[in-house]
Amino acid sequence: MASFTRKAIMDSFMKLVDQRPISKITIKDIVEDCGVNRNTFYRYYQDIPSLLQALVQEKGDWLIENYCRRGQPMHCIRPLIQYSLDHRRAVLHIYRSLPREEFQTGLSRIAGSLVESYFEKAGIAPTIPPEDRALLMRFYRCAMVGSALDWLEGGMETDLLAEAEFLCRLMEQSGQQALLLGHPPIPPV
């Protein structure tokens, strides 16, 4: 029952965030929409910022669990971008409401998991020195986060899917190149 109520509160909040900025949403709006009382709300969340933080954390965890472990970066990125486009107003309201550092940390966690999963599945991990692997992973994590933040800052107007596909091809090519660099040279015959 507790997880059902918690989910009902989150769903109502998400529905309201899709309609208007977070600063215009009250706890009263949320509890009226989902049919619980204020005490029930406070049993699960301290306030709207704690609800927002839980929502972002839960959505990030769900995305990582369901998409980031499949080995192909676009398997994770495509649903994230599509979800963002389907809920454009809500995503922009959340982006504009959360402290930038908090939003960036969540985005970085998702991108880091995605890149790490790809490098593991592609077999890049054991073939290059750990410091080189870490540098490549950090570079692609930062590129993905930077592209997403730029996209959000621009009101989600550019084709992020095309940019992500390009970054993924680049990551795959550099990963293959890293595999070659990681092997000892073949002696001449």
Protein backbone atom coordinates (compact mmCIF):
# COMPACT_ATOMS: atom_id res chain seq x y z
CA MET A 1 0.00 0.00 0.00
CA ALA A 2 2.81 2.40 0.90
CA SER A 3 4.50 2.12 -2.49
CA PHE A 4 1.12 2.55 -4.23
CA THR A 5 0.44 5.78 -2.28
CA ARG A 6 3.97 7.04 -2.83
CA LYS A 7 3.61 6.38 -6.58
CA ALA A 8 0.19 8.10 -6.64
CA ILE A 9 1.71 11.21 -5.08
CA MET A 10 4.59 11.17 -7.61
CA ASP A 11 2.23 10.60 -10.53
CA SER A 12 0.01 13.50 -9.47
CA PHE A 13 3.04 15.73 -9.05
CA MET A 14 4.34 14.75 -12.48
CA LYS A 15 0.93 15.44 -14.02
CA LEU A 16 0.86 18.89 -12.41
CA VAL A 17 4.47 19.65 -13.42
CA ASP A 18 3.45 18.88 -16.98
CA GLN A 19 0.82 21.63 -16.68
CA ARG A 20 2.65 24.43 -14.85
CA PRO A 21 5.94 25.47 -13.24
CA ILE A 22 6.84 23.88 -9.93
CA SER A 23 6.69 27.26 -8.18
CA LYS A 24 2.95 27.33 -8.96
CA ILE A 25 2.25 23.88 -7.47
CA THR A 26 1.23 23.47 -3.84
CA ILE A 27 0.99 20.43 -1.62
CA LYS A 28 -2.75 21.07 -1.57
CA ASP A 29 -2.82 20.74 -5.38
CA ILE A 30 -0.96 17.42 -5.20
CA VAL A 31 -3.08 15.83 -2.46
CA GLU A 32 -6.32 16.96 -4.10
CA ASP A 33 -5.22 15.48 -7.40
CA CYS A 34 -4.22 12.09 -6.01
CA GLY A 35 -6.92 11.83 -3.34
CA VAL A 36 -4.81 11.63 -0.18
CA ASN A 37 -4.61 13.99 2.76
CA ARG A 38 -1.73 16.28 3.74
CA ASN A 39 -0.63 13.97 6.56
CA THR A 40 -0.21 11.16 4.05
CA PHE A 41 1.88 13.44 1.84
CA TYR A 42 4.12 14.35 4.80
CA ARG A 43 4.51 10.68 5.71
CA TYR A 44 6.47 10.26 2.48
CA TYR A 45 7.91 13.68 1.69
CA GLN A 46 9.07 16.62 3.76
CA ASP A 47 8.08 19.16 1.09
CA ILE A 48 7.85 19.68 -2.66
CA PRO A 49 11.65 19.93 -3.14
CA SER A 50 12.11 16.55 -1.42
CA LEU A 51 9.38 15.09 -3.67
CA LEU A 52 11.10 16.55 -6.72
CA GLN A 53 14.45 15.14 -5.64
CA ALA A 54 12.91 11.70 -5.07
CA LEU A 55 11.20 11.84 -8.46
CA VAL A 56 14.42 12.69 -10.30
CA GLN A 57 16.35 10.00 -8.38
CA GLU A 58 13.70 7.36 -9.06
CA LYS A 59 13.42 8.18 -12.77
CA GLY A 60 17.22 8.10 -13.09
CA ASP A 61 17.44 4.75 -11.29
CA TRP A 62 14.67 3.33 -13.46
CA LEU A 63 16.39 4.47 -16.63
CA ILE A 64 19.73 3.00 -15.60
CA GLU A 65 18.14 -0.29 -14.55
CA ASN A 66 16.01 -0.69 -17.67
CA TYR A 67 18.18 0.70 -20.43
CA CYS A 68 21.81 1.41 -19.52
CA ARG A 69 22.90 -2.18 -19.08
CA ARG A 70 22.20 -3.31 -22.63
CA GLY A 71 25.59 -2.42 -24.05
CA GLN A 72 24.53 -0.03 -26.78
CA PRO A 73 24.43 3.63 -25.69
CA MET A 74 21.54 4.54 -27.98
CA HIS A 75 19.38 1.89 -26.23
CA CYS A 76 19.53 4.15 -23.17
CA ILE A 77 19.69 7.54 -24.83
CA ARG A 78 16.78 7.10 -27.25
CA PRO A 79 14.15 6.37 -24.54
CA LEU A 80 15.50 9.18 -22.35
CA ILE A 81 15.25 11.70 -25.18
CA GLN A 82 11.82 10.39 -26.21
CA TYR A 83 10.55 10.58 -22.61
CA SER A 84 11.91 14.12 -22.39
CA LEU A 85 10.18 15.12 -25.61
CA ASP A 86 6.91 13.45 -24.56
CA HIS A 87 7.05 15.40 -21.28
CA ARG A 88 8.78 18.49 -22.61
CA ARG A 89 7.02 21.02 -20.36
CA ALA A 90 7.57 18.92 -17.24
CA VAL A 91 11.25 18.33 -18.05
CA LEU A 92 11.84 22.03 -18.64
CA HIS A 93 9.95 22.93 -15.45
CA ILE A 94 12.09 20.47 -13.48
CA TYR A 95 15.30 21.65 -15.15
CA ARG A 96 14.49 25.25 -14.32
CA SER A 97 13.45 24.43 -10.73
CA LEU A 98 16.25 22.22 -9.49
CA PRO A 99 19.58 23.70 -8.52
CA ARG A 100 21.76 23.28 -11.61
CA GLU A 101 24.37 21.30 -9.69
CA GLU A 102 21.77 18.79 -8.49
CA PHE A 103 20.32 18.36 -11.98
CA GLN A 104 23.78 18.01 -13.50
CA THR A 105 24.78 15.42 -10.89
CA GLY A 106 21.77 13.24 -11.75
CA LEU A 107 22.41 13.59 -15.47
CA SER A 108 26.08 12.80 -14.97
CA ARG A 109 25.21 9.66 -12.99
CA ILE A 110 23.03 8.38 -15.84
CA ALA A 111 25.62 9.24 -18.51
CA GLY A 112 28.42 7.69 -16.45
CA SER A 113 26.49 4.45 -16.03
CA LEU A 114 25.75 4.39 -19.74
CA VAL A 115 29.37 4.94 -20.77
CA GLU A 116 30.73 2.45 -18.23
CA SER A 117 28.26 -0.19 -19.36
CA TYR A 118 29.22 0.33 -22.98
CA PHE A 119 32.95 0.12 -22.25
CA GLU A 120 32.45 -3.11 -20.28
CA LYS A 121 30.26 -4.76 -22.92
CA ALA A 122 32.56 -3.66 -25.74
CA GLY A 123 35.53 -5.28 -23.99
CA ILE A 124 37.49 -2.06 -23.72
CA ALA A 125 38.14 -2.29 -19.97
CA PRO A 126 40.90 -4.92 -19.85
CA THR A 127 42.76 -3.82 -22.98
CA ILE A 128 43.93 -0.31 -22.12
CA PRO A 129 45.56 1.18 -19.04
CA PRO A 130 43.00 2.14 -16.36
CA GLU A 131 43.93 5.82 -16.52
CA ASP A 132 43.32 5.91 -20.29
CA ARG A 133 40.01 4.11 -19.87
CA ALA A 134 38.97 6.56 -17.14
CA LEU A 135 39.92 9.51 -19.36
CA LEU A 136 37.88 8.21 -22.31
CA MET A 137 34.90 7.46 -20.08
CA ARG A 138 35.06 10.92 -18.47
CA PHE A 139 35.33 12.58 -21.89
CA TYR A 140 32.19 10.86 -23.22
CA ARG A 141 30.25 11.34 -19.99
CA CYS A 142 31.03 15.06 -20.10
CA ALA A 143 30.19 15.28 -23.81
CA MET A 144 26.79 13.67 -23.21
CA VAL A 145 26.01 15.79 -20.17
CA GLY A 146 27.15 18.96 -21.93
CA SER A 147 25.01 18.21 -24.99
CA ALA A 148 21.96 17.50 -22.84
CA LEU A 149 22.42 20.68 -20.76
CA ASP A 150 22.91 22.75 -23.90
CA TRP A 151 19.75 21.19 -25.36
CA LEU A 152 17.75 22.00 -22.23
CA GLU A 153 19.15 25.52 -22.01
CA GLY A 154 18.05 26.08 -25.62
CA GLY A 155 14.49 24.97 -24.81
CA MET A 156 14.96 21.49 -26.33
CA GLU A 157 14.86 22.93 -29.86
CA THR A 158 17.82 21.15 -31.50
CA ASP A 159 17.85 17.51 -32.65
CA LEU A 160 19.51 15.92 -29.63
CA LEU A 161 18.86 12.45 -30.99
CA ALA A 162 21.06 13.15 -34.04
CA GLU A 163 23.77 14.62 -31.80
CA ALA A 164 23.61 11.59 -29.49
CA GLU A 165 23.88 9.18 -32.42
CA PHE A 166 26.96 11.05 -33.63
CA LEU A 167 28.52 10.95 -30.15
CA CYS A 168 27.79 7.22 -29.88
CA ARG A 169 29.43 6.52 -33.24
CA LEU A 170 32.42 8.56 -32.12
CA MET A 171 32.56 6.65 -28.83
CA GLU A 172 32.42 3.34 -30.67
CA GLN A 173 35.20 4.35 -33.05
CA SER A 174 37.43 5.64 -30.28
CA GLY A 175 36.68 2.50 -28.28
CA GLN A 176 37.80 0.36 -31.20
CA GLN A 177 40.89 2.54 -31.55
CA ALA A 178 41.57 2.14 -27.83
CA LEU A 179 41.36 -1.63 -28.26
CA LEU A 180 44.06 -1.43 -30.92
CA LEU A 181 46.21 0.80 -28.73
CA GLY A 182 45.85 -1.59 -25.84
CA HIS A 183 47.35 -4.57 -27.66
CA PRO A 184 51.11 -4.99 -27.95
CA PRO A 185 52.41 -4.33 -31.44
CA ILE A 186 52.58 -7.29 -33.78
CA PRO A 187 56.22 -8.12 -34.46
CA PRO A 188 57.31 -7.97 -38.09
CA VAL A 189 57.61 -11.30 -39.88
